[in-house]
Amino acid sequence: MEKVYTKNAPDAIGPYSQAVRANGLVFTSGQIAINPATGNVEAETIEAQTEQVCTNLKNVLEAAGSSLDKAVKTVCFLADMNDFASFNAVYGTYFTGKPARSCVAVKTLPKNVLVEVEVIAEL
């Protein structure tokens, strides 16, 4: 197992890595809408937060030697399932290969963001 790090995505806010590579796959930690340049959540809408999350995931996957196109599975967490259509519209522009996906509503996400996404991708 090899840890992955890039300054183009937020630093981990706990005892975990941005991603790990193992057995030909990349496993990202869940990404939230933190702007890596400032370390803050700056986006307020579900669309803007989803854009930031997908950009963070793109950067982590590229640092690992993979890409969004190589995603095989995503797990998506929404603070409010009423945001599903808006989230899905942005998500679909990034994950054009249509990987397998789970999407669930949760009570609360870190830093009270609206969305978190994690990815498993091929190298």
PDB file of N, CA and C in Angstrom:
ATOM      1  N   MET A   1       0.860  -1.181   0.000  1.00  0.00           N
ATOM      2  CA  MET A   1       0.000   0.000   0.000  1.00  0.00           C
ATOM      3  C   MET A   1       0.898   1.234   0.000  1.00  0.00           C
ATOM      4  N   GLU A   2       0.539   2.200  -0.853  1.00  0.00           N
ATOM      5  CA  GLU A   2       1.305   3.431  -0.960  1.00  0.00           C
ATOM      6  C   GLU A   2       0.381   4.627  -0.769  1.00  0.00           C
ATOM      7  N   LYS A   3       0.745   5.535   0.122  1.00  0.00           N
ATOM      8  CA  LYS A   3      -0.047   6.735   0.365  1.00  0.00           C
ATOM      9  C   LYS A   3       0.134   7.721  -0.772  1.00  0.00           C
ATOM     10  N   VAL A   4      -0.933   8.464  -1.062  1.00  0.00           N
ATOM     11  CA  VAL A   4      -0.930   9.472  -2.115  1.00  0.00           C
ATOM     12  C   VAL A   4      -1.155  10.832  -1.460  1.00  0.00           C
ATOM     13  N   TYR A   5      -0.380  11.823  -1.923  1.00  0.00           N
ATOM     14  CA  TYR A   5      -0.559  13.189  -1.427  1.00  0.00           C
ATOM     15  C   TYR A   5      -0.371  14.177  -2.571  1.00  0.00           C
ATOM     16  N   THR A   6      -1.206  15.196  -2.599  1.00  0.00           N
ATOM     17  CA  THR A   6      -1.024  16.328  -3.505  1.00  0.00           C
ATOM     18  C   THR A   6      -1.399  17.612  -2.778  1.00  0.00           C
ATOM     19  N   LYS A   7      -0.656  18.659  -3.059  1.00  0.00           N
ATOM     20  CA  LYS A   7      -1.001  19.967  -2.498  1.00  0.00           C
ATOM     21  C   LYS A   7      -2.191  20.588  -3.232  1.00  0.00           C
ATOM     22  N   ASN A   8      -2.633  19.942  -4.334  1.00  0.00           N
ATOM     23  CA  ASN A   8      -3.758  20.448  -5.124  1.00  0.00           C
ATOM     24  C   ASN A   8      -5.107  19.932  -4.642  1.00  0.00           C
ATOM     25  N   ALA A   9      -5.111  19.352  -3.463  1.00  0.00           N
ATOM     26  CA  ALA A   9      -6.347  18.925  -2.799  1.00  0.00           C
ATOM     27  C   ALA A   9      -6.157  19.233  -1.314  1.00  0.00           C
ATOM     28  N   PRO A  10      -7.245  19.309  -0.572  1.00  0.00           N
ATOM     29  CA  PRO A  10      -7.126  19.658   0.850  1.00  0.00           C
ATOM     30  C   PRO A  10      -6.314  18.626   1.618  1.00  0.00           C
ATOM     31  N   ASP A  11      -5.562  19.105   2.586  1.00  0.00           N
ATOM     32  CA  ASP A  11      -4.873  18.202   3.502  1.00  0.00           C
ATOM     33  C   ASP A  11      -5.913  17.421   4.296  1.00  0.00           C
ATOM     34  N   ALA A  12      -5.552  16.220   4.686  1.00  0.00           N
ATOM     35  CA  ALA A  12      -6.440  15.419   5.530  1.00  0.00           C
ATOM     36  C   ALA A  12      -6.689  16.172   6.836  1.00  0.00           C
ATOM     37  N   ILE A  13      -7.927  16.130   7.307  1.00  0.00           N
ATOM     38  CA  ILE A  13      -8.264  16.819   8.559  1.00  0.00           C
ATOM     39  C   ILE A  13      -8.364  15.822   9.707  1.00  0.00           C
ATOM     40  N   GLY A  14      -7.720  14.687   9.545  1.00  0.00           N
ATOM     41  CA  GLY A  14      -7.705  13.648  10.570  1.00  0.00           C
ATOM     42  C   GLY A  14      -6.610  12.647  10.259  1.00  0.00           C
ATOM     43  N   PRO A  15      -6.610  11.527  10.967  1.00  0.00           N
ATOM     44  CA  PRO A  15      -5.567  10.510  10.776  1.00  0.00           C
ATOM     45  C   PRO A  15      -5.849   9.599   9.588  1.00  0.00           C
ATOM     46  N   TYR A  16      -5.754  10.159   8.389  1.00  0.00           N
ATOM     47  CA  TYR A  16      -5.979   9.391   7.160  1.00  0.00           C
ATOM     48  C   TYR A  16      -5.210  10.045   6.022  1.00  0.00           C
ATOM     49  N   SER A  17      -5.136   9.370   4.894  1.00  0.00           N
ATOM     50  CA  SER A  17      -4.455   9.873   3.699  1.00  0.00           C
ATOM     51  C   SER A  17      -5.484  10.374   2.701  1.00  0.00           C
ATOM     52  N   GLN A  18      -5.058  11.236   1.788  1.00  0.00           N
ATOM     53  CA  GLN A  18      -5.945  11.678   0.712  1.00  0.00           C
ATOM     54  C   GLN A  18      -6.377  10.485  -0.125  1.00  0.00           C
ATOM     55  N   ALA A  19      -5.457   9.541  -0.313  1.00  0.00           N
ATOM     56  CA  ALA A  19      -5.748   8.312  -1.065  1.00  0.00           C
ATOM     57  C   ALA A  19      -4.630   7.315  -0.813  1.00  0.00           C
ATOM     58  N   VAL A  20      -4.898   6.079  -1.183  1.00  0.00           N
ATOM     59  CA  VAL A  20      -3.863   5.046  -1.170  1.00  0.00           C
ATOM     60  C   VAL A  20      -3.956   4.252  -2.472  1.00  0.00           C
ATOM     61  N   ARG A  21      -2.799   3.782  -2.923  1.00  0.00           N
ATOM     62  CA  ARG A  21      -2.730   2.883  -4.074  1.00  0.00           C
ATOM     63  C   ARG A  21      -2.454   1.489  -3.536  1.00  0.00           C
ATOM     64  N   ALA A  22      -3.200   0.504  -4.057  1.00  0.00           N
ATOM     65  CA  ALA A  22      -2.999  -0.886  -3.645  1.00  0.00           C
ATOM     66  C   ALA A  22      -3.563  -1.800  -4.725  1.00  0.00           C
ATOM     67  N   ASN A  23      -2.805  -2.803  -5.099  1.00  0.00           N
ATOM     68  CA  ASN A  23      -3.261  -3.836  -6.032  1.00  0.00           C
ATOM     69  C   ASN A  23      -3.875  -3.283  -7.315  1.00  0.00           C
ATOM     70  N   GLY A  24      -3.247  -2.264  -7.889  1.00  0.00           N
ATOM     71  CA  GLY A  24      -3.712  -1.727  -9.161  1.00  0.00           C
ATOM     72  C   GLY A  24      -4.909  -0.799  -9.069  1.00  0.00           C
ATOM     73  N   LEU A  25      -5.276  -0.428  -7.853  1.00  0.00           N
ATOM     74  CA  LEU A  25      -6.418   0.473  -7.644  1.00  0.00           C
ATOM     75  C   LEU A  25      -6.011   1.671  -6.796  1.00  0.00           C
ATOM     76  N   VAL A  26      -6.775   2.733  -6.909  1.00  0.00           N
ATOM     77  CA  VAL A  26      -6.644   3.907  -6.055  1.00  0.00           C
ATOM     78  C   VAL A  26      -7.928   4.022  -5.255  1.00  0.00           C
ATOM     79  N   PHE A  27      -7.791   4.192  -3.961  1.00  0.00           N
ATOM     80  CA  PHE A  27      -8.920   4.389  -3.061  1.00  0.00           C
ATOM     81  C   PHE A  27      -8.789   5.789  -2.472  1.00  0.00           C
ATOM     82  N   THR A  28      -9.688   6.705  -2.845  1.00  0.00           N
ATOM     83  CA  THR A  28      -9.611   8.050  -2.274  1.00  0.00           C
ATOM     84  C   THR A  28     -10.385   8.094  -0.965  1.00  0.00           C
ATOM     85  N   SER A  29      -9.947   8.962  -0.103  1.00  0.00           N
ATOM     86  CA  SER A  29     -10.763   9.299   1.052  1.00  0.00           C
ATOM     87  C   SER A  29     -11.874  10.210   0.558  1.00  0.00           C
ATOM     88  N   GLY A  30     -12.908  10.335   1.335  1.00  0.00           N
ATOM     89  CA  GLY A  30     -13.991  11.230   0.954  1.00  0.00           C
ATOM     90  C   GLY A  30     -13.475  12.652   0.837  1.00  0.00           C
ATOM     91  N   GLN A  31     -13.850  13.324  -0.230  1.00  0.00           N
ATOM     92  CA  GLN A  31     -13.471  14.721  -0.423  1.00  0.00           C
ATOM     93  C   GLN A  31     -14.688  15.603  -0.192  1.00  0.00           C
ATOM     94  N   ILE A  32     -14.446  16.693   0.521  1.00  0.00           N
ATOM     95  CA  ILE A  32     -15.484  17.685   0.733  1.00  0.00           C
ATOM     96  C   ILE A  32     -15.055  18.973   0.027  1.00  0.00           C
ATOM     97  N   ALA A  33     -15.873  19.979   0.075  1.00  0.00           N
ATOM     98  CA  ALA A  33     -15.676  21.198  -0.717  1.00  0.00           C
ATOM     99  C   ALA A  33     -14.704  22.179  -0.080  1.00  0.00           C
ATOM    100  N   ILE A  34     -13.550  21.691   0.349  1.00  0.00           N
ATOM    101  CA  ILE A  34     -12.516  22.573   0.864  1.00  0.00           C
ATOM    102  C   ILE A  34     -11.650  23.027  -0.306  1.00  0.00           C
ATOM    103  N   ASN A  35     -11.433  24.320  -0.399  1.00  0.00           N
ATOM    104  CA  ASN A  35     -10.525  24.873  -1.394  1.00  0.00           C
ATOM    105  C   ASN A  35      -9.107  24.657  -0.879  1.00  0.00           C
ATOM    106  N   PRO A  36      -8.271  23.896  -1.599  1.00  0.00           N
ATOM    107  CA  PRO A  36      -6.933  23.607  -1.080  1.00  0.00           C
ATOM    108  C   PRO A  36      -6.048  24.851  -0.957  1.00  0.00           C
ATOM    109  N   ALA A  37      -6.333  25.890  -1.718  1.00  0.00           N
ATOM    110  CA  ALA A  37      -5.531  27.110  -1.647  1.00  0.00           C
ATOM    111  C   ALA A  37      -5.742  27.860  -0.335  1.00  0.00           C
ATOM    112  N   THR A  38      -6.968  27.773   0.201  1.00  0.00           N
ATOM    113  CA  THR A  38      -7.280  28.523   1.422  1.00  0.00           C
ATOM    114  C   THR A  38      -7.500  27.637   2.640  1.00  0.00           C
ATOM    115  N   GLY A  39      -7.820  26.367   2.387  1.00  0.00           N
ATOM    116  CA  GLY A  39      -8.135  25.470   3.491  1.00  0.00           C
ATOM    117  C   GLY A  39      -9.532  25.674   4.046  1.00  0.00           C
ATOM    118  N   ASN A  40     -10.353  26.418   3.317  1.00  0.00           N
ATOM    119  CA  ASN A  40     -11.701  26.732   3.791  1.00  0.00           C
ATOM    120  C   ASN A  40     -12.770  26.228   2.828  1.00  0.00           C
ATOM    121  N   VAL A  41     -13.971  26.058   3.370  1.00  0.00           N
ATOM    122  CA  VAL A  41     -15.142  25.794   2.542  1.00  0.00           C
ATOM    123  C   VAL A  41     -15.651  27.156   2.107  1.00  0.00           C
ATOM    124  N   GLU A  42     -15.556  27.434   0.808  1.00  0.00           N
ATOM    125  CA  GLU A  42     -15.944  28.745   0.305  1.00  0.00           C
ATOM    126  C   GLU A  42     -17.255  28.711  -0.473  1.00  0.00           C
ATOM    127  N   ALA A  43     -17.564  27.554  -1.051  1.00  0.00           N
ATOM    128  CA  ALA A  43     -18.775  27.419  -1.854  1.00  0.00           C
ATOM    129  C   ALA A  43     -19.974  27.187  -0.951  1.00  0.00           C
ATOM    130  N   GLU A  44     -21.098  27.781  -1.308  1.00  0.00           N
ATOM    131  CA  GLU A  44     -22.289  27.655  -0.472  1.00  0.00           C
ATOM    132  C   GLU A  44     -23.383  26.800  -1.096  1.00  0.00           C
ATOM    133  N   THR A  45     -23.440  26.732  -2.419  1.00  0.00           N
ATOM    134  CA  THR A  45     -24.513  25.980  -3.063  1.00  0.00           C
ATOM    135  C   THR A  45     -24.076  24.535  -3.309  1.00  0.00           C
ATOM    136  N   ILE A  46     -25.027  23.661  -3.496  1.00  0.00           N
ATOM    137  CA  ILE A  46     -24.710  22.266  -3.783  1.00  0.00           C
ATOM    138  C   ILE A  46     -23.938  22.154  -5.092  1.00  0.00           C
ATOM    139  N   GLU A  47     -24.290  22.969  -6.073  1.00  0.00           N
ATOM    140  CA  GLU A  47     -23.586  22.929  -7.357  1.00  0.00           C
ATOM    141  C   GLU A  47     -22.124  23.339  -7.196  1.00  0.00           C
ATOM    142  N   ALA A  48     -21.884  24.437  -6.513  1.00  0.00           N
ATOM    143  CA  ALA A  48     -20.517  24.928  -6.328  1.00  0.00           C
ATOM    144  C   ALA A  48     -19.705  23.970  -5.451  1.00  0.00           C
ATOM    145  N   GLN A  49     -20.332  23.399  -4.428  1.00  0.00           N
ATOM    146  CA  GLN A  49     -19.620  22.436  -3.586  1.00  0.00           C
ATOM    147  C   GLN A  49     -19.292  21.170  -4.368  1.00  0.00           C
ATOM    148  N   THR A  50     -20.208  20.719  -5.207  1.00  0.00           N
ATOM    149  CA  THR A  50     -19.951  19.527  -6.014  1.00  0.00           C
ATOM    150  C   THR A  50     -18.805  19.781  -6.986  1.00  0.00           C
ATOM    151  N   GLU A  51     -18.754  20.961  -7.583  1.00  0.00           N
ATOM    152  CA  GLU A  51     -17.638  21.336  -8.460  1.00  0.00           C
ATOM    153  C   GLU A  51     -16.312  21.230  -7.709  1.00  0.00           C
ATOM    154  N   GLN A  52     -16.253  21.780  -6.494  1.00  0.00           N
ATOM    155  CA  GLN A  52     -15.013  21.755  -5.719  1.00  0.00           C
ATOM    156  C   GLN A  52     -14.637  20.325  -5.341  1.00  0.00           C
ATOM    157  N   VAL A  53     -15.622  19.537  -4.925  1.00  0.00           N
ATOM    158  CA  VAL A  53     -15.369  18.136  -4.569  1.00  0.00           C
ATOM    159  C   VAL A  53     -14.800  17.375  -5.772  1.00  0.00           C
ATOM    160  N   CYS A  54     -15.413  17.539  -6.924  1.00  0.00           N
ATOM    161  CA  CYS A  54     -14.955  16.816  -8.119  1.00  0.00           C
ATOM    162  C   CYS A  54     -13.570  17.279  -8.553  1.00  0.00           C
ATOM    163  N   THR A  55     -13.290  18.560  -8.420  1.00  0.00           N
ATOM    164  CA  THR A  55     -11.953  19.066  -8.726  1.00  0.00           C
ATOM    165  C   THR A  55     -10.930  18.473  -7.769  1.00  0.00           C
ATOM    166  N   ASN A  56     -11.266  18.418  -6.487  1.00  0.00           N
ATOM    167  CA  ASN A  56     -10.359  17.815  -5.503  1.00  0.00           C
ATOM    168  C   ASN A  56     -10.099  16.347  -5.841  1.00  0.00           C
ATOM    169  N   LEU A  57     -11.156  15.613  -6.181  1.00  0.00           N
ATOM    170  CA  LEU A  57     -10.994  14.195  -6.535  1.00  0.00           C
ATOM    171  C   LEU A  57     -10.144  14.030  -7.791  1.00  0.00           C
ATOM    172  N   LYS A  58     -10.380  14.863  -8.787  1.00  0.00           N
ATOM    173  CA  LYS A  58      -9.585  14.827 -10.021  1.00  0.00           C
ATOM    174  C   LYS A  58      -8.111  14.997  -9.688  1.00  0.00           C
ATOM    175  N   ASN A  59      -7.792  15.957  -8.835  1.00  0.00           N
ATOM    176  CA  ASN A  59      -6.401  16.229  -8.473  1.00  0.00           C
ATOM    177  C   ASN A  59      -5.770  15.088  -7.685  1.00  0.00           C
ATOM    178  N   VAL A  60      -6.519  14.491  -6.781  1.00  0.00           N
ATOM    179  CA  VAL A  60      -5.997  13.356  -6.006  1.00  0.00           C
ATOM    180  C   VAL A  60      -5.756  12.164  -6.929  1.00  0.00           C
ATOM    181  N   LEU A  61      -6.718  11.870  -7.787  1.00  0.00           N
ATOM    182  CA  LEU A  61      -6.559  10.738  -8.704  1.00  0.00           C
ATOM    183  C   LEU A  61      -5.378  10.945  -9.644  1.00  0.00           C
ATOM    184  N   GLU A  62      -5.202  12.154 -10.154  1.00  0.00           N
ATOM    185  CA  GLU A  62      -4.070  12.424 -11.035  1.00  0.00           C
ATOM    186  C   GLU A  62      -2.747  12.275 -10.299  1.00  0.00           C
ATOM    187  N   ALA A  63      -2.694  12.705  -9.042  1.00  0.00           N
ATOM    188  CA  ALA A  63      -1.470  12.537  -8.241  1.00  0.00           C
ATOM    189  C   ALA A  63      -1.149  11.063  -8.025  1.00  0.00           C
ATOM    190  N   ALA A  64      -2.188  10.238  -8.038  1.00  0.00           N
ATOM    191  CA  ALA A  64      -2.015   8.791  -7.849  1.00  0.00           C
ATOM    192  C   ALA A  64      -1.672   8.078  -9.152  1.00  0.00           C
ATOM    193  N   GLY A  65      -1.740   8.792 -10.278  1.00  0.00           N
ATOM    194  CA  GLY A  65      -1.490   8.178 -11.574  1.00  0.00           C
ATOM    195  C   GLY A  65      -2.736   7.628 -12.227  1.00  0.00           C
ATOM    196  N   SER A  66      -3.895   8.153 -11.828  1.00  0.00           N
ATOM    197  CA  SER A  66      -5.173   7.694 -12.367  1.00  0.00           C
ATOM    198  C   SER A  66      -5.945   8.909 -12.877  1.00  0.00           C
ATOM    199  N   SER A  67      -7.246   8.748 -13.048  1.00  0.00           N
ATOM    200  CA  SER A  67      -8.082   9.856 -13.503  1.00  0.00           C
ATOM    201  C   SER A  67      -9.543   9.555 -13.210  1.00  0.00           C
ATOM    202  N   LEU A  68     -10.378  10.559 -13.370  1.00  0.00           N
ATOM    203  CA  LEU A  68     -11.818  10.366 -13.194  1.00  0.00           C
ATOM    204  C   LEU A  68     -12.353   9.354 -14.197  1.00  0.00           C
ATOM    205  N   ASP A  69     -11.760   9.302 -15.386  1.00  0.00           N
ATOM    206  CA  ASP A  69     -12.199   8.353 -16.418  1.00  0.00           C
ATOM    207  C   ASP A  69     -11.959   6.899 -16.025  1.00  0.00           C
ATOM    208  N   LYS A  70     -11.069   6.673 -15.062  1.00  0.00           N
ATOM    209  CA  LYS A  70     -10.747   5.316 -14.628  1.00  0.00           C
ATOM    210  C   LYS A  70     -11.507   4.919 -13.360  1.00  0.00           C
ATOM    211  N   ALA A  71     -12.440   5.779 -12.928  1.00  0.00           N
ATOM    212  CA  ALA A  71     -13.245   5.473 -11.734  1.00  0.00           C
ATOM    213  C   ALA A  71     -14.119   4.258 -12.000  1.00  0.00           C
ATOM    214  N   VAL A  72     -14.137   3.328 -11.059  1.00  0.00           N
ATOM    215  CA  VAL A  72     -14.997   2.154 -11.180  1.00  0.00           C
ATOM    216  C   VAL A  72     -16.147   2.187 -10.177  1.00  0.00           C
ATOM    217  N   LYS A  73     -15.989   2.973  -9.098  1.00  0.00           N
ATOM    218  CA  LYS A  73     -17.035   3.030  -8.069  1.00  0.00           C
ATOM    219  C   LYS A  73     -16.912   4.345  -7.318  1.00  0.00           C
ATOM    220  N   THR A  74     -18.038   4.983  -7.078  1.00  0.00           N
ATOM    221  CA  THR A  74     -18.067   6.156  -6.211  1.00  0.00           C
ATOM    222  C   THR A  74     -19.101   5.932  -5.114  1.00  0.00           C
ATOM    223  N   VAL A  75     -18.859   6.590  -3.999  1.00  0.00           N
ATOM    224  CA  VAL A  75     -19.843   6.631  -2.923  1.00  0.00           C
ATOM    225  C   VAL A  75     -20.061   8.106  -2.618  1.00  0.00           C
ATOM    226  N   CYS A  76     -21.315   8.527  -2.694  1.00  0.00           N
ATOM    227  CA  CYS A  76     -21.668   9.932  -2.557  1.00  0.00           C
ATOM    228  C   CYS A  76     -22.562  10.110  -1.329  1.00  0.00           C
ATOM    229  N   PHE A  77     -22.251  11.139  -0.565  1.00  0.00           N
ATOM    230  CA  PHE A  77     -23.009  11.447   0.643  1.00  0.00           C
ATOM    231  C   PHE A  77     -23.588  12.839   0.497  1.00  0.00           C
ATOM    232  N   LEU A  78     -24.885  12.965   0.666  1.00  0.00           N
ATOM    233  CA  LEU A  78     -25.556  14.256   0.590  1.00  0.00           C
ATOM    234  C   LEU A  78     -26.181  14.591   1.936  1.00  0.00           C
ATOM    235  N   ALA A  79     -26.070  15.844   2.331  1.00  0.00           N
ATOM    236  CA  ALA A  79     -26.708  16.280   3.565  1.00  0.00           C
ATOM    237  C   ALA A  79     -28.218  16.359   3.404  1.00  0.00           C
ATOM    238  N   ASP A  80     -28.685  16.516   2.150  1.00  0.00           N
ATOM    239  CA  ASP A  80     -30.113  16.637   1.885  1.00  0.00           C
ATOM    240  C   ASP A  80     -30.420  15.986   0.528  1.00  0.00           C
ATOM    241  N   MET A  81     -31.192  14.934   0.524  1.00  0.00           N
ATOM    242  CA  MET A  81     -31.494  14.229  -0.722  1.00  0.00           C
ATOM    243  C   MET A  81     -32.292  15.098  -1.691  1.00  0.00           C
ATOM    244  N   ASN A  82     -32.867  16.192  -1.216  1.00  0.00           N
ATOM    245  CA  ASN A  82     -33.534  17.130  -2.117  1.00  0.00           C
ATOM    246  C   ASN A  82     -32.530  17.800  -3.072  1.00  0.00           C
ATOM    247  N   ASP A  83     -31.240  17.724  -2.743  1.00  0.00           N
ATOM    248  CA  ASP A  83     -30.189  18.272  -3.603  1.00  0.00           C
ATOM    249  C   ASP A  83     -29.730  17.284  -4.669  1.00  0.00           C
ATOM    250  N   PHE A  84     -30.331  16.094  -4.713  1.00  0.00           N
ATOM    251  CA  PHE A  84     -29.845  15.042  -5.599  1.00  0.00           C
ATOM    252  C   PHE A  84     -29.780  15.464  -7.070  1.00  0.00           C
ATOM    253  N   ALA A  85     -30.816  16.055  -7.596  1.00  0.00           N
ATOM    254  CA  ALA A  85     -30.832  16.429  -9.018  1.00  0.00           C
ATOM    255  C   ALA A  85     -29.748  17.449  -9.331  1.00  0.00           C
ATOM    256  N   SER A  86     -29.584  18.439  -8.490  1.00  0.00           N
ATOM    257  CA  SER A  86     -28.555  19.463  -8.705  1.00  0.00           C
ATOM    258  C   SER A  86     -27.159  18.858  -8.585  1.00  0.00           C
ATOM    259  N   PHE A  87     -26.961  18.009  -7.582  1.00  0.00           N
ATOM    260  CA  PHE A  87     -25.688  17.309  -7.429  1.00  0.00           C
ATOM    261  C   PHE A  87     -25.409  16.457  -8.662  1.00  0.00           C
ATOM    262  N   ASN A  88     -26.387  15.703  -9.075  1.00  0.00           N
ATOM    263  CA  ASN A  88     -26.237  14.769 -10.184  1.00  0.00           C
ATOM    264  C   ASN A  88     -25.878  15.480 -11.483  1.00  0.00           C
ATOM    265  N   ALA A  89     -26.441  16.663 -11.702  1.00  0.00           N
ATOM    266  CA  ALA A  89     -26.157  17.418 -12.921  1.00  0.00           C
ATOM    267  C   ALA A  89     -24.675  17.786 -13.006  1.00  0.00           C
ATOM    268  N   VAL A  90     -24.080  18.193 -11.897  1.00  0.00           N
ATOM    269  CA  VAL A  90     -22.655  18.549 -11.885  1.00  0.00           C
ATOM    270  C   VAL A  90     -21.803  17.284 -11.910  1.00  0.00           C
ATOM    271  N   TYR A  91     -22.126  16.314 -11.066  1.00  0.00           N
ATOM    272  CA  TYR A  91     -21.390  15.048 -10.996  1.00  0.00           C
ATOM    273  C   TYR A  91     -21.268  14.414 -12.375  1.00  0.00           C
ATOM    274  N   GLY A  92     -22.342  14.432 -13.144  1.00  0.00           N
ATOM    275  CA  GLY A  92     -22.366  13.805 -14.463  1.00  0.00           C
ATOM    276  C   GLY A  92     -21.419  14.438 -15.461  1.00  0.00           C
ATOM    277  N   THR A  93     -21.045  15.696 -15.258  1.00  0.00           N
ATOM    278  CA  THR A  93     -20.093  16.337 -16.159  1.00  0.00           C
ATOM    279  C   THR A  93     -18.659  15.895 -15.873  1.00  0.00           C
ATOM    280  N   TYR A  94     -18.405  15.381 -14.691  1.00  0.00           N
ATOM    281  CA  TYR A  94     -17.074  14.910 -14.315  1.00  0.00           C
ATOM    282  C   TYR A  94     -16.919  13.407 -14.509  1.00  0.00           C
ATOM    283  N   PHE A  95     -17.917  12.649 -14.122  1.00  0.00           N
ATOM    284  CA  PHE A  95     -17.846  11.188 -14.187  1.00  0.00           C
ATOM    285  C   PHE A  95     -18.597  10.706 -15.426  1.00  0.00           C
ATOM    286  N   THR A  96     -18.041  11.017 -16.588  1.00  0.00           N
ATOM    287  CA  THR A  96     -18.693  10.700 -17.854  1.00  0.00           C
ATOM    288  C   THR A  96     -18.653   9.215 -18.178  1.00  0.00           C
ATOM    289  N   GLY A  97     -17.756   8.461 -17.546  1.00  0.00           N
ATOM    290  CA  GLY A  97     -17.672   7.024 -17.771  1.00  0.00           C
ATOM    291  C   GLY A  97     -18.732   6.235 -17.020  1.00  0.00           C
ATOM    292  N   LYS A  98     -19.530   6.930 -16.228  1.00  0.00           N
ATOM    293  CA  LYS A  98     -20.629   6.326 -15.462  1.00  0.00           C
ATOM    294  C   LYS A  98     -20.194   5.126 -14.624  1.00  0.00           C
ATOM    295  N   PRO A  99     -19.309   5.351 -13.629  1.00  0.00           N
ATOM    296  CA  PRO A  99     -18.912   4.246 -12.755  1.00  0.00           C
ATOM    297  C   PRO A  99     -20.088   3.794 -11.885  1.00  0.00           C
ATOM    298  N   ALA A 100     -19.947   2.620 -11.286  1.00  0.00           N
ATOM    299  CA  ALA A 100     -20.942   2.190 -10.300  1.00  0.00           C
ATOM    300  C   ALA A 100     -20.984   3.246  -9.199  1.00  0.00           C
ATOM    301  N   ARG A 101     -22.149   3.410  -8.567  1.00  0.00           N
ATOM    302  CA  ARG A 101     -22.280   4.479  -7.577  1.00  0.00           C
ATOM    303  C   ARG A 101     -23.316   4.134  -6.535  1.00  0.00           C
ATOM    304  N   SER A 102     -23.035   4.570  -5.327  1.00  0.00           N
ATOM    305  CA  SER A 102     -24.037   4.610  -4.264  1.00  0.00           C
ATOM    306  C   SER A 102     -24.178   6.069  -3.864  1.00  0.00           C
ATOM    307  N   CYS A 103     -25.390   6.483  -3.533  1.00  0.00           N
ATOM    308  CA  CYS A 103     -25.619   7.854  -3.089  1.00  0.00           C
ATOM    309  C   CYS A 103     -26.614   7.802  -1.941  1.00  0.00           C
ATOM    310  N   VAL A 104     -26.188   8.325  -0.802  1.00  0.00           N
ATOM    311  CA  VAL A 104     -27.031   8.263   0.389  1.00  0.00           C
ATOM    312  C   VAL A 104     -27.107   9.630   1.051  1.00  0.00           C
ATOM    313  N   ALA A 105     -28.182   9.853   1.760  1.00  0.00           N
ATOM    314  CA  ALA A 105     -28.323  11.050   2.582  1.00  0.00           C
ATOM    315  C   ALA A 105     -27.816  10.728   3.980  1.00  0.00           C
ATOM    316  N   VAL A 106     -27.116  11.687   4.562  1.00  0.00           N
ATOM    317  CA  VAL A 106     -26.583  11.524   5.908  1.00  0.00           C
ATOM    318  C   VAL A 106     -27.018  12.713   6.761  1.00  0.00           C
ATOM    319  N   LYS A 107     -26.942  12.534   8.051  1.00  0.00           N
ATOM    320  CA  LYS A 107     -27.402  13.588   8.951  1.00  0.00           C
ATOM    321  C   LYS A 107     -26.497  14.817   8.895  1.00  0.00           C
ATOM    322  N   THR A 108     -25.184  14.606   8.983  1.00  0.00           N
ATOM    323  CA  THR A 108     -24.235  15.712   9.014  1.00  0.00           C
ATOM    324  C   THR A 108     -22.929  15.275   8.368  1.00  0.00           C
ATOM    325  N   LEU A 109     -22.288  16.190   7.665  1.00  0.00           N
ATOM    326  CA  LEU A 109     -20.978  15.942   7.065  1.00  0.00           C
ATOM    327  C   LEU A 109     -19.944  16.860   7.717  1.00  0.00           C
ATOM    328  N   PRO A 110     -18.653  16.519   7.613  1.00  0.00           N
ATOM    329  CA  PRO A 110     -17.625  17.374   8.209  1.00  0.00           C
ATOM    330  C   PRO A 110     -17.744  18.815   7.734  1.00  0.00           C
ATOM    331  N   LYS A 111     -17.508  19.727   8.653  1.00  0.00           N
ATOM    332  CA  LYS A 111     -17.573  21.169   8.373  1.00  0.00           C
ATOM    333  C   LYS A 111     -18.934  21.608   7.847  1.00  0.00           C
ATOM    334  N   ASN A 112     -19.953  20.787   8.093  1.00  0.00           N
ATOM    335  CA  ASN A 112     -21.329  21.077   7.678  1.00  0.00           C
ATOM    336  C   ASN A 112     -21.478  21.322   6.174  1.00  0.00           C
ATOM    337  N   VAL A 113     -20.647  20.632   5.373  1.00  0.00           N
ATOM    338  CA  VAL A 113     -20.772  20.748   3.921  1.00  0.00           C
ATOM    339  C   VAL A 113     -22.023  20.015   3.458  1.00  0.00           C
ATOM    340  N   LEU A 114     -22.366  20.212   2.196  1.00  0.00           N
ATOM    341  CA  LEU A 114     -23.562  19.610   1.630  1.00  0.00           C
ATOM    342  C   LEU A 114     -23.304  18.285   0.936  1.00  0.00           C
ATOM    343  N   VAL A 115     -22.029  18.000   0.578  1.00  0.00           N
ATOM    344  CA  VAL A 115     -21.713  16.809  -0.208  1.00  0.00           C
ATOM    345  C   VAL A 115     -20.308  16.308   0.110  1.00  0.00           C
ATOM    346  N   GLU A 116     -20.155  14.993   0.051  1.00  0.00           N
ATOM    347  CA  GLU A 116     -18.847  14.336   0.150  1.00  0.00           C
ATOM    348  C   GLU A 116     -18.863  13.167  -0.831  1.00  0.00           C
ATOM    349  N   VAL A 117     -17.730  12.936  -1.506  1.00  0.00           N
ATOM    350  CA  VAL A 117     -17.640  11.849  -2.477  1.00  0.00           C
ATOM    351  C   VAL A 117     -16.298  11.149  -2.308  1.00  0.00           C
ATOM    352  N   GLU A 118     -16.326   9.815  -2.385  1.00  0.00           N
ATOM    353  CA  GLU A 118     -15.099   9.028  -2.406  1.00  0.00           C
ATOM    354  C   GLU A 118     -15.102   8.180  -3.675  1.00  0.00           C
ATOM    355  N   VAL A 119     -13.911   7.779  -4.135  1.00  0.00           N
ATOM    356  CA  VAL A 119     -13.772   7.093  -5.411  1.00  0.00           C
ATOM    357  C   VAL A 119     -12.823   5.896  -5.290  1.00  0.00           C
ATOM    358  N   ILE A 120     -13.132   4.845  -6.007  1.00  0.00           N
ATOM    359  CA  ILE A 120     -12.199   3.757  -6.265  1.00  0.00           C
ATOM    360  C   ILE A 120     -11.959   3.779  -7.773  1.00  0.00           C
ATOM    361  N   ALA A 121     -10.682   3.811  -8.171  1.00  0.00           N
ATOM    362  CA  ALA A 121     -10.344   3.910  -9.591  1.00  0.00           C
ATOM    363  C   ALA A 121      -9.198   2.957  -9.928  1.00  0.00           C
ATOM    364  N   GLU A 122      -9.145   2.577 -11.193  1.00  0.00           N
ATOM    365  CA  GLU A 122      -8.021   1.799 -11.686  1.00  0.00           C
ATOM    366  C   GLU A 122      -6.827   2.711 -11.898  1.00  0.00           C
ATOM    367  N   LEU A 123      -5.641   2.130 -11.795  1.00  0.00           N
ATOM    368  CA  LEU A 123      -4.421   2.895 -12.099  1.00  0.00           C
ATOM    369  C   LEU A 123      -4.188   2.924 -13.596  1.00  0.00           C
TER     370      LEU A 123
END
